[in-house]
N, C-alpha and C. Protein backbone atom coordinates (compact mmCIF):
# COMPACT_ATOMS: atom_id res chain seq x y z
N MET A 1 17.72 -107.74 -63.02
CA MET A 1 19.02 -107.32 -62.55
C MET A 1 18.83 -106.45 -61.31
N SER A 2 19.66 -106.68 -60.32
CA SER A 2 19.52 -105.90 -59.09
C SER A 2 20.32 -104.62 -59.16
N SER A 3 19.93 -103.70 -58.36
CA SER A 3 20.60 -102.41 -58.30
C SER A 3 21.99 -102.57 -57.70
N PRO A 4 23.00 -101.80 -58.17
CA PRO A 4 24.35 -101.90 -57.59
C PRO A 4 24.36 -101.54 -56.11
N PHE A 5 23.45 -100.66 -55.70
CA PHE A 5 23.40 -100.25 -54.29
C PHE A 5 22.98 -101.41 -53.40
N THR A 6 21.92 -102.11 -53.81
CA THR A 6 21.43 -103.21 -52.98
C THR A 6 22.37 -104.40 -53.04
N THR A 7 23.09 -104.59 -54.15
CA THR A 7 24.03 -105.71 -54.25
C THR A 7 25.28 -105.43 -53.44
N ALA A 8 25.79 -104.21 -53.52
CA ALA A 8 27.03 -103.87 -52.83
C ALA A 8 26.83 -103.67 -51.33
N PHE A 9 25.66 -103.24 -50.92
CA PHE A 9 25.42 -102.90 -49.52
C PHE A 9 24.12 -103.52 -48.98
N PRO A 10 23.93 -104.82 -49.09
CA PRO A 10 22.65 -105.38 -48.65
C PRO A 10 22.40 -105.19 -47.16
N GLY A 11 23.42 -105.28 -46.35
CA GLY A 11 23.26 -105.10 -44.90
C GLY A 11 22.88 -103.68 -44.56
N ARG A 12 23.48 -102.74 -45.24
CA ARG A 12 23.17 -101.33 -44.98
C ARG A 12 21.74 -101.00 -45.35
N CYS A 13 21.26 -101.60 -46.44
CA CYS A 13 19.86 -101.36 -46.82
C CYS A 13 18.93 -101.86 -45.73
N LEU A 14 19.22 -103.00 -45.18
CA LEU A 14 18.40 -103.55 -44.12
C LEU A 14 18.44 -102.66 -42.88
N VAL A 15 19.64 -102.21 -42.52
CA VAL A 15 19.79 -101.34 -41.36
C VAL A 15 19.05 -100.02 -41.58
N LEU A 16 19.21 -99.43 -42.76
CA LEU A 16 18.52 -98.17 -43.05
C LEU A 16 17.01 -98.34 -43.06
N SER A 17 16.54 -99.45 -43.62
CA SER A 17 15.11 -99.71 -43.63
C SER A 17 14.57 -99.83 -42.21
N ALA A 18 15.30 -100.55 -41.37
CA ALA A 18 14.88 -100.71 -39.98
C ALA A 18 14.91 -99.38 -39.26
N PHE A 19 15.97 -98.60 -39.50
CA PHE A 19 16.11 -97.30 -38.84
C PHE A 19 14.95 -96.38 -39.18
N PHE A 20 14.65 -96.27 -40.46
CA PHE A 20 13.58 -95.37 -40.87
C PHE A 20 12.21 -95.91 -40.48
N GLY A 21 12.05 -97.20 -40.50
CA GLY A 21 10.78 -97.80 -40.08
C GLY A 21 10.50 -97.56 -38.61
N PHE A 22 11.52 -97.79 -37.76
CA PHE A 22 11.34 -97.56 -36.33
C PHE A 22 11.33 -96.09 -36.01
N GLY A 23 11.98 -95.29 -36.83
CA GLY A 23 11.96 -93.84 -36.62
C GLY A 23 10.54 -93.30 -36.69
N GLY A 24 9.74 -93.87 -37.59
CA GLY A 24 8.34 -93.47 -37.68
C GLY A 24 7.58 -93.81 -36.41
N LEU A 25 7.88 -94.97 -35.83
CA LEU A 25 7.25 -95.34 -34.57
C LEU A 25 7.67 -94.41 -33.45
N ALA A 26 8.95 -94.06 -33.41
CA ALA A 26 9.45 -93.17 -32.36
C ALA A 26 8.79 -91.79 -32.49
N ALA A 27 8.64 -91.32 -33.72
CA ALA A 27 8.01 -90.02 -33.91
C ALA A 27 6.56 -90.06 -33.45
N HIS A 28 5.89 -91.18 -33.70
CA HIS A 28 4.50 -91.31 -33.24
C HIS A 28 4.42 -91.31 -31.72
N ALA A 29 5.34 -92.01 -31.08
CA ALA A 29 5.33 -92.08 -29.61
C ALA A 29 5.56 -90.70 -29.00
N GLN A 30 6.36 -89.88 -29.65
CA GLN A 30 6.65 -88.55 -29.12
C GLN A 30 5.46 -87.61 -29.28
N THR A 31 4.55 -87.89 -30.21
CA THR A 31 3.41 -87.01 -30.40
C THR A 31 2.22 -87.40 -29.52
N THR A 32 2.36 -88.51 -28.78
CA THR A 32 1.30 -88.91 -27.86
C THR A 32 1.15 -87.83 -26.79
N PRO A 33 -0.07 -87.37 -26.55
CA PRO A 33 -0.25 -86.32 -25.54
C PRO A 33 0.27 -86.77 -24.18
N LEU A 34 0.87 -85.84 -23.48
CA LEU A 34 1.37 -86.13 -22.15
C LEU A 34 0.26 -85.89 -21.13
N GLN A 35 0.23 -86.72 -20.12
CA GLN A 35 -0.77 -86.56 -19.07
C GLN A 35 -0.06 -86.26 -17.76
N THR A 36 -0.69 -85.45 -16.94
CA THR A 36 -0.14 -85.21 -15.61
C THR A 36 -0.44 -86.42 -14.74
N ARG A 37 0.31 -86.55 -13.67
CA ARG A 37 0.04 -87.62 -12.72
C ARG A 37 -1.38 -87.46 -12.16
N GLY A 38 -1.79 -86.23 -11.92
CA GLY A 38 -3.13 -85.97 -11.43
C GLY A 38 -4.21 -86.47 -12.39
N GLU A 39 -4.00 -86.23 -13.67
CA GLU A 39 -4.96 -86.71 -14.67
C GLU A 39 -5.01 -88.23 -14.69
N LEU A 40 -3.85 -88.87 -14.63
CA LEU A 40 -3.81 -90.33 -14.62
C LEU A 40 -4.53 -90.91 -13.39
N LEU A 41 -4.27 -90.32 -12.22
CA LEU A 41 -4.94 -90.78 -11.01
C LEU A 41 -6.45 -90.57 -11.10
N TYR A 42 -6.84 -89.39 -11.57
CA TYR A 42 -8.27 -89.07 -11.67
C TYR A 42 -8.98 -89.99 -12.65
N THR A 43 -8.40 -90.17 -13.84
CA THR A 43 -9.07 -91.01 -14.84
C THR A 43 -9.07 -92.48 -14.44
N THR A 44 -8.12 -92.89 -13.65
CA THR A 44 -8.07 -94.28 -13.20
C THR A 44 -9.03 -94.55 -12.05
N HIS A 45 -9.12 -93.62 -11.09
CA HIS A 45 -9.84 -93.89 -9.86
C HIS A 45 -11.14 -93.11 -9.66
N CYS A 46 -11.33 -92.03 -10.37
CA CYS A 46 -12.45 -91.13 -10.04
C CYS A 46 -13.50 -90.98 -11.14
N ILE A 47 -13.07 -91.04 -12.38
CA ILE A 47 -13.95 -90.68 -13.49
C ILE A 47 -15.16 -91.61 -13.60
N ALA A 48 -15.06 -92.83 -13.08
CA ALA A 48 -16.19 -93.77 -13.15
C ALA A 48 -17.43 -93.19 -12.46
N CYS A 49 -17.22 -92.46 -11.38
CA CYS A 49 -18.35 -91.88 -10.64
C CYS A 49 -18.52 -90.39 -10.88
N HIS A 50 -17.49 -89.71 -11.33
CA HIS A 50 -17.52 -88.26 -11.49
C HIS A 50 -17.52 -87.86 -12.95
N SER A 51 -18.68 -87.57 -13.48
CA SER A 51 -18.75 -87.02 -14.82
C SER A 51 -18.42 -85.53 -14.73
N SER A 52 -18.29 -84.89 -15.86
CA SER A 52 -17.99 -83.46 -15.83
C SER A 52 -19.11 -82.67 -15.17
N GLU A 53 -20.35 -83.17 -15.22
CA GLU A 53 -21.46 -82.47 -14.58
C GLU A 53 -21.27 -82.37 -13.07
N MET A 54 -20.61 -83.35 -12.49
CA MET A 54 -20.35 -83.35 -11.04
C MET A 54 -19.63 -82.06 -10.64
N HIS A 55 -18.72 -81.62 -11.46
CA HIS A 55 -17.90 -80.46 -11.13
C HIS A 55 -18.59 -79.13 -11.44
N TRP A 56 -19.66 -79.17 -12.18
CA TRP A 56 -20.35 -77.93 -12.56
C TRP A 56 -21.65 -77.72 -11.81
N ARG A 57 -21.99 -78.62 -10.90
CA ARG A 57 -23.25 -78.49 -10.18
C ARG A 57 -23.26 -77.23 -9.30
N ASP A 58 -24.45 -76.74 -9.01
CA ASP A 58 -24.59 -75.50 -8.25
C ASP A 58 -24.16 -75.63 -6.79
N ASN A 59 -24.40 -76.77 -6.18
CA ASN A 59 -24.11 -76.90 -4.75
C ASN A 59 -22.78 -77.62 -4.49
N ARG A 60 -21.81 -77.38 -5.31
CA ARG A 60 -20.51 -78.04 -5.11
C ARG A 60 -19.83 -77.51 -3.85
N ARG A 61 -19.01 -78.35 -3.26
CA ARG A 61 -18.35 -78.00 -2.01
C ARG A 61 -16.96 -77.42 -2.21
N ALA A 62 -16.43 -77.53 -3.39
CA ALA A 62 -15.12 -76.93 -3.68
C ALA A 62 -15.35 -75.53 -4.22
N ASN A 63 -14.96 -74.53 -3.42
CA ASN A 63 -15.17 -73.14 -3.81
C ASN A 63 -13.89 -72.35 -3.96
N ASP A 64 -12.77 -72.96 -3.62
CA ASP A 64 -11.46 -72.34 -3.77
C ASP A 64 -10.42 -73.46 -3.77
N TRP A 65 -9.15 -73.09 -3.93
CA TRP A 65 -8.07 -74.07 -4.03
C TRP A 65 -8.00 -74.97 -2.79
N GLU A 66 -8.07 -74.39 -1.62
CA GLU A 66 -7.97 -75.19 -0.39
C GLU A 66 -9.15 -76.14 -0.23
N SER A 67 -10.37 -75.67 -0.50
CA SER A 67 -11.53 -76.56 -0.36
C SER A 67 -11.54 -77.63 -1.45
N LEU A 68 -10.95 -77.35 -2.60
CA LEU A 68 -10.81 -78.37 -3.64
C LEU A 68 -9.92 -79.50 -3.15
N LYS A 69 -8.79 -79.14 -2.52
CA LYS A 69 -7.90 -80.17 -1.97
C LYS A 69 -8.59 -80.95 -0.85
N VAL A 70 -9.39 -80.26 -0.04
CA VAL A 70 -10.13 -80.93 1.03
C VAL A 70 -11.09 -81.98 0.44
N GLN A 71 -11.78 -81.62 -0.63
CA GLN A 71 -12.72 -82.56 -1.24
C GLN A 71 -12.01 -83.75 -1.89
N VAL A 72 -10.88 -83.50 -2.54
CA VAL A 72 -10.11 -84.62 -3.11
C VAL A 72 -9.63 -85.53 -1.99
N ARG A 73 -9.13 -84.94 -0.91
CA ARG A 73 -8.67 -85.72 0.25
C ARG A 73 -9.83 -86.54 0.83
N ARG A 74 -10.97 -85.90 0.95
CA ARG A 74 -12.15 -86.57 1.52
C ARG A 74 -12.55 -87.78 0.68
N TRP A 75 -12.67 -87.59 -0.63
CA TRP A 75 -13.17 -88.67 -1.47
C TRP A 75 -12.15 -89.77 -1.68
N GLN A 76 -10.87 -89.44 -1.70
CA GLN A 76 -9.90 -90.53 -1.82
C GLN A 76 -9.92 -91.36 -0.54
N GLY A 77 -10.16 -90.73 0.61
CA GLY A 77 -10.29 -91.46 1.87
C GLY A 77 -11.55 -92.31 1.91
N ASN A 78 -12.66 -91.76 1.40
CA ASN A 78 -13.92 -92.51 1.38
C ASN A 78 -13.83 -93.76 0.51
N THR A 79 -12.99 -93.71 -0.50
CA THR A 79 -12.86 -94.86 -1.41
C THR A 79 -11.67 -95.75 -1.06
N GLY A 80 -10.93 -95.39 0.00
CA GLY A 80 -9.82 -96.23 0.46
C GLY A 80 -8.59 -96.21 -0.42
N LEU A 81 -8.34 -95.12 -1.12
CA LEU A 81 -7.20 -95.05 -2.04
C LEU A 81 -5.86 -94.87 -1.34
N GLN A 82 -5.84 -94.28 -0.17
CA GLN A 82 -4.62 -94.06 0.61
C GLN A 82 -3.57 -93.23 -0.15
N TRP A 83 -4.03 -92.17 -0.80
CA TRP A 83 -3.11 -91.27 -1.48
C TRP A 83 -2.36 -90.45 -0.45
N ASP A 84 -1.12 -90.07 -0.80
CA ASP A 84 -0.39 -89.14 0.05
C ASP A 84 -0.73 -87.71 -0.37
N GLU A 85 -0.17 -86.75 0.35
CA GLU A 85 -0.49 -85.34 0.07
C GLU A 85 -0.08 -84.92 -1.34
N ALA A 86 1.00 -85.50 -1.85
CA ALA A 86 1.43 -85.16 -3.21
C ALA A 86 0.38 -85.63 -4.23
N ASP A 87 -0.15 -86.84 -4.04
CA ASP A 87 -1.18 -87.35 -4.96
C ASP A 87 -2.44 -86.49 -4.89
N ILE A 88 -2.82 -86.13 -3.70
CA ILE A 88 -4.01 -85.28 -3.51
C ILE A 88 -3.81 -83.94 -4.22
N ALA A 89 -2.65 -83.35 -4.05
CA ALA A 89 -2.35 -82.07 -4.70
C ALA A 89 -2.32 -82.22 -6.22
N GLU A 90 -1.81 -83.34 -6.72
CA GLU A 90 -1.77 -83.57 -8.17
C GLU A 90 -3.18 -83.66 -8.76
N VAL A 91 -4.05 -84.42 -8.11
CA VAL A 91 -5.43 -84.56 -8.61
C VAL A 91 -6.16 -83.23 -8.49
N ALA A 92 -6.00 -82.56 -7.36
CA ALA A 92 -6.63 -81.25 -7.21
C ALA A 92 -6.09 -80.28 -8.26
N GLY A 93 -4.80 -80.34 -8.52
CA GLY A 93 -4.20 -79.49 -9.55
C GLY A 93 -4.76 -79.77 -10.93
N TYR A 94 -4.92 -81.04 -11.25
CA TYR A 94 -5.51 -81.41 -12.54
C TYR A 94 -6.94 -80.85 -12.66
N LEU A 95 -7.74 -81.06 -11.63
CA LEU A 95 -9.11 -80.54 -11.65
C LEU A 95 -9.13 -79.02 -11.73
N ASN A 96 -8.23 -78.39 -11.01
CA ASN A 96 -8.16 -76.93 -11.02
C ASN A 96 -7.75 -76.41 -12.40
N ASP A 97 -6.76 -77.06 -12.99
CA ASP A 97 -6.28 -76.63 -14.31
C ASP A 97 -7.33 -76.80 -15.39
N THR A 98 -8.10 -77.88 -15.31
CA THR A 98 -9.05 -78.19 -16.38
C THR A 98 -10.46 -77.70 -16.14
N ILE A 99 -10.82 -77.44 -14.87
CA ILE A 99 -12.22 -77.08 -14.59
C ILE A 99 -12.34 -75.79 -13.78
N TYR A 100 -11.77 -75.76 -12.59
CA TYR A 100 -12.09 -74.72 -11.63
C TYR A 100 -11.35 -73.40 -11.81
N GLN A 101 -10.07 -73.45 -12.08
CA GLN A 101 -9.27 -72.24 -12.28
C GLN A 101 -9.19 -71.35 -11.04
N TYR A 102 -9.15 -71.93 -9.85
CA TYR A 102 -9.00 -71.16 -8.62
C TYR A 102 -7.56 -70.70 -8.47
N PRO A 103 -7.33 -69.52 -7.90
CA PRO A 103 -5.96 -69.11 -7.58
C PRO A 103 -5.38 -70.09 -6.54
N ARG A 104 -4.16 -70.51 -6.77
CA ARG A 104 -3.53 -71.47 -5.85
C ARG A 104 -2.81 -70.76 -4.72
N THR A 105 -2.86 -71.35 -3.57
CA THR A 105 -2.12 -70.85 -2.41
C THR A 105 -1.09 -71.89 -2.02
N ALA A 106 -0.06 -71.45 -1.32
CA ALA A 106 0.97 -72.38 -0.86
C ALA A 106 0.35 -73.31 0.15
N GLY A 107 0.80 -74.56 0.13
CA GLY A 107 0.24 -75.54 1.05
C GLY A 107 1.20 -76.68 1.27
N PRO A 108 0.66 -77.85 1.57
CA PRO A 108 1.50 -79.02 1.84
C PRO A 108 2.36 -79.42 0.65
N VAL A 109 3.29 -80.29 0.91
CA VAL A 109 4.18 -80.80 -0.14
C VAL A 109 3.34 -81.29 -1.31
N GLY A 110 3.80 -80.96 -2.52
CA GLY A 110 3.09 -81.39 -3.71
C GLY A 110 2.19 -80.32 -4.29
N SER A 111 1.87 -79.29 -3.52
CA SER A 111 1.06 -78.21 -4.06
C SER A 111 2.00 -77.12 -4.54
N SER A 112 1.49 -76.27 -5.39
CA SER A 112 2.35 -75.21 -5.91
C SER A 112 1.53 -74.00 -6.28
N LEU A 113 2.21 -72.91 -6.38
CA LEU A 113 1.56 -71.69 -6.83
C LEU A 113 1.57 -71.60 -8.34
N SER A 114 2.53 -72.27 -8.96
CA SER A 114 2.70 -72.12 -10.40
C SER A 114 1.64 -72.83 -11.20
N GLY A 115 1.07 -73.90 -10.66
CA GLY A 115 0.07 -74.63 -11.41
C GLY A 115 0.68 -75.63 -12.38
N GLN A 116 1.98 -75.75 -12.38
CA GLN A 116 2.63 -76.68 -13.30
C GLN A 116 2.83 -78.02 -12.62
N SER A 117 2.27 -79.06 -13.18
CA SER A 117 2.43 -80.41 -12.66
C SER A 117 3.40 -81.15 -13.56
N PRO A 118 4.18 -82.07 -12.98
CA PRO A 118 5.04 -82.86 -13.84
C PRO A 118 4.19 -83.67 -14.80
N ARG A 119 4.65 -83.83 -16.02
CA ARG A 119 3.88 -84.57 -17.00
C ARG A 119 4.48 -85.96 -17.18
N VAL A 120 3.60 -86.90 -17.42
CA VAL A 120 4.00 -88.28 -17.59
C VAL A 120 3.56 -88.72 -18.97
N SER A 121 4.42 -89.38 -19.69
CA SER A 121 4.08 -89.84 -21.03
C SER A 121 3.06 -90.96 -20.94
N ALA A 122 2.04 -90.89 -21.76
CA ALA A 122 1.02 -91.92 -21.79
C ALA A 122 1.55 -93.21 -22.43
N ALA A 123 2.71 -93.12 -23.08
CA ALA A 123 3.27 -94.29 -23.76
C ALA A 123 3.98 -95.23 -22.78
N ARG A 124 4.17 -94.83 -21.52
CA ARG A 124 4.87 -95.69 -20.56
C ARG A 124 4.15 -96.95 -20.27
């Protein structure tokens, strides 16, 4: 014998099942870590050649915020990426936030003093 709830409301049971089932997927998507645009650019275009040791070597050329941006600009040009100043600032910001921790100075469009980069969902 079937339950009076499922007999009287079979469509609602299906809708509720779908709602709660997809709700679990939505909750999972929201817990996916967010990545900055700089992190996405770096992991897509740079990480193949730049291990974390690259950034910790003794004779590194990035010694402050401005020289970090210069090095990102230099290497994106050497590899033909054609990034604009905003992309360069995003990648430099990601590296600065995760590795270097240099005080930021005001500069070209896309750079900031706050250190906050827009975040992009990895689920996109």
